[in-house]
N, C-alpha and C. Protein backbone atom coordinates (compact mmCIF):
# COMPACT_ATOMS: atom_id res chain seq x y z
N UNK A 1 -27.81 26.03 36.82
CA UNK A 1 -27.99 25.85 35.41
C UNK A 1 -26.66 26.12 34.70
N UNK A 2 -26.32 25.28 33.75
CA UNK A 2 -25.04 25.41 33.06
C UNK A 2 -25.08 26.57 32.08
N UNK A 3 -23.93 27.26 31.95
CA UNK A 3 -23.83 28.36 31.00
C UNK A 3 -23.57 27.80 29.60
N UNK A 4 -24.13 28.45 28.62
CA UNK A 4 -23.92 28.03 27.23
C UNK A 4 -22.62 28.66 26.72
N UNK A 5 -21.69 27.83 26.31
CA UNK A 5 -20.40 28.32 25.80
C UNK A 5 -20.53 28.47 24.29
N UNK A 6 -20.58 29.69 23.81
CA UNK A 6 -20.80 29.98 22.39
C UNK A 6 -19.57 30.65 21.80
N UNK A 7 -18.45 29.92 21.72
CA UNK A 7 -17.21 30.50 21.21
C UNK A 7 -16.78 29.85 19.90
N UNK A 8 -17.73 29.50 19.06
CA UNK A 8 -17.41 28.82 17.80
C UNK A 8 -16.61 29.67 16.84
N UNK A 9 -17.01 30.92 16.64
CA UNK A 9 -16.31 31.77 15.68
C UNK A 9 -14.91 32.12 16.15
N UNK A 10 -14.76 32.43 17.43
CA UNK A 10 -13.45 32.80 17.95
C UNK A 10 -12.47 31.64 17.87
N UNK A 11 -12.93 30.43 18.13
CA UNK A 11 -12.01 29.29 18.09
C UNK A 11 -11.65 28.93 16.65
N UNK A 12 -12.52 29.18 15.69
CA UNK A 12 -12.20 28.86 14.30
C UNK A 12 -11.37 29.95 13.64
N UNK A 13 -11.28 31.12 14.23
CA UNK A 13 -10.51 32.21 13.63
C UNK A 13 -9.03 31.86 13.57
N UNK A 14 -8.52 31.17 14.57
CA UNK A 14 -7.12 30.75 14.55
C UNK A 14 -6.83 29.76 13.45
N UNK A 15 -7.76 28.83 13.20
CA UNK A 15 -7.58 27.88 12.11
C UNK A 15 -7.61 28.57 10.76
N UNK A 16 -8.49 29.55 10.61
CA UNK A 16 -8.56 30.27 9.34
C UNK A 16 -7.25 31.02 9.09
N UNK A 17 -6.70 31.61 10.12
CA UNK A 17 -5.44 32.32 9.98
C UNK A 17 -4.32 31.35 9.65
N UNK A 18 -4.34 30.15 10.24
CA UNK A 18 -3.30 29.14 10.00
C UNK A 18 -3.33 28.67 8.55
N UNK A 19 -4.51 28.43 7.99
CA UNK A 19 -4.61 27.91 6.64
C UNK A 19 -4.46 29.00 5.58
N UNK A 20 -4.52 30.26 5.94
CA UNK A 20 -4.31 31.33 4.98
C UNK A 20 -2.83 31.53 4.66
N UNK A 21 -1.93 31.06 5.50
CA UNK A 21 -0.50 31.23 5.29
C UNK A 21 -0.02 30.19 4.28
N UNK A 22 0.65 30.64 3.21
CA UNK A 22 1.17 29.72 2.21
C UNK A 22 2.58 29.30 2.60
N UNK A 23 2.86 28.03 2.41
CA UNK A 23 4.18 27.49 2.70
C UNK A 23 4.99 27.51 1.40
N UNK A 24 6.06 28.27 1.38
CA UNK A 24 6.89 28.40 0.18
C UNK A 24 7.89 27.27 0.05
N UNK A 25 8.08 26.44 1.07
CA UNK A 25 9.09 25.39 1.04
C UNK A 25 8.61 24.10 0.40
N UNK A 26 7.32 23.91 0.28
CA UNK A 26 6.77 22.65 -0.23
C UNK A 26 6.81 22.56 -1.74
N UNK A 27 6.52 21.36 -2.24
CA UNK A 27 6.47 21.14 -3.67
C UNK A 27 5.21 21.79 -4.22
N UNK A 28 5.34 22.50 -5.33
CA UNK A 28 4.19 23.18 -5.92
C UNK A 28 3.81 22.44 -7.19
N UNK A 29 2.60 21.86 -7.21
CA UNK A 29 2.08 21.14 -8.37
C UNK A 29 0.77 21.80 -8.77
N UNK A 30 0.65 22.08 -10.06
CA UNK A 30 -0.58 22.72 -10.53
C UNK A 30 -1.74 21.73 -10.50
N UNK A 31 -2.95 22.23 -10.36
CA UNK A 31 -4.11 21.33 -10.35
C UNK A 31 -4.25 20.52 -11.64
N UNK A 32 -3.89 21.10 -12.77
CA UNK A 32 -3.93 20.38 -14.04
C UNK A 32 -2.96 19.19 -14.04
N UNK A 33 -1.79 19.37 -13.44
CA UNK A 33 -0.83 18.27 -13.38
C UNK A 33 -1.36 17.13 -12.51
N UNK A 34 -2.02 17.45 -11.42
CA UNK A 34 -2.58 16.42 -10.55
C UNK A 34 -3.65 15.62 -11.29
N UNK A 35 -4.52 16.32 -12.01
CA UNK A 35 -5.57 15.64 -12.78
C UNK A 35 -4.94 14.81 -13.90
N UNK A 36 -3.93 15.33 -14.55
CA UNK A 36 -3.25 14.59 -15.61
C UNK A 36 -2.58 13.33 -15.10
N UNK A 37 -1.93 13.42 -13.96
CA UNK A 37 -1.29 12.25 -13.37
C UNK A 37 -2.34 11.20 -13.00
N UNK A 38 -3.45 11.63 -12.43
CA UNK A 38 -4.51 10.70 -12.05
C UNK A 38 -5.08 9.98 -13.28
N UNK A 39 -5.35 10.73 -14.34
CA UNK A 39 -5.88 10.12 -15.56
C UNK A 39 -4.85 9.18 -16.17
N UNK A 40 -3.59 9.57 -16.15
CA UNK A 40 -2.52 8.70 -16.67
C UNK A 40 -2.43 7.39 -15.90
N UNK A 41 -2.55 7.44 -14.57
CA UNK A 41 -2.51 6.22 -13.78
C UNK A 41 -3.70 5.32 -14.06
N UNK A 42 -4.87 5.91 -14.28
CA UNK A 42 -6.06 5.12 -14.62
C UNK A 42 -5.84 4.40 -15.94
N UNK A 43 -5.29 5.09 -16.93
CA UNK A 43 -5.03 4.48 -18.24
C UNK A 43 -4.01 3.35 -18.11
N UNK A 44 -2.96 3.56 -17.34
CA UNK A 44 -1.95 2.52 -17.16
C UNK A 44 -2.55 1.29 -16.50
N UNK A 45 -3.37 1.46 -15.48
CA UNK A 45 -4.00 0.32 -14.80
C UNK A 45 -4.93 -0.42 -15.76
N UNK A 46 -5.69 0.31 -16.56
CA UNK A 46 -6.59 -0.33 -17.52
C UNK A 46 -5.81 -1.11 -18.57
N UNK A 47 -4.70 -0.56 -19.04
CA UNK A 47 -3.88 -1.27 -20.02
C UNK A 47 -3.23 -2.51 -19.42
N UNK A 48 -2.80 -2.43 -18.17
CA UNK A 48 -2.23 -3.60 -17.51
C UNK A 48 -3.25 -4.71 -17.36
N UNK A 49 -4.51 -4.34 -17.09
CA UNK A 49 -5.55 -5.36 -16.98
C UNK A 49 -5.80 -6.03 -18.31
N UNK A 50 -5.67 -5.31 -19.42
CA UNK A 50 -5.90 -5.89 -20.74
C UNK A 50 -4.74 -6.83 -21.11
N UNK A 51 -3.52 -6.40 -20.89
CA UNK A 51 -2.36 -7.18 -21.31
C UNK A 51 -1.92 -8.23 -20.31
N UNK A 52 -2.21 -8.05 -19.05
CA UNK A 52 -1.84 -9.00 -18.00
C UNK A 52 -3.05 -9.28 -17.10
N UNK A 53 -4.02 -10.06 -17.60
CA UNK A 53 -5.22 -10.33 -16.77
C UNK A 53 -4.87 -11.19 -15.56
N UNK A 54 -5.63 -11.03 -14.49
CA UNK A 54 -5.38 -11.78 -13.26
C UNK A 54 -5.87 -13.22 -13.35
N UNK A 55 -6.85 -13.51 -14.17
CA UNK A 55 -7.38 -14.88 -14.26
C UNK A 55 -6.73 -15.66 -15.34
């Protein structure tokens, strides 16, 4: 009979430790800036559709 391998928590502990470390070398963008950029791009695309229709 095969043994049940129940090592889910131990194997995920390494991933949790990996993602808890912050990288100081990367670009830091605030969540508000990301949302603002996304909304700005949506507005630009909508305005382009009004002024330059495809049909």
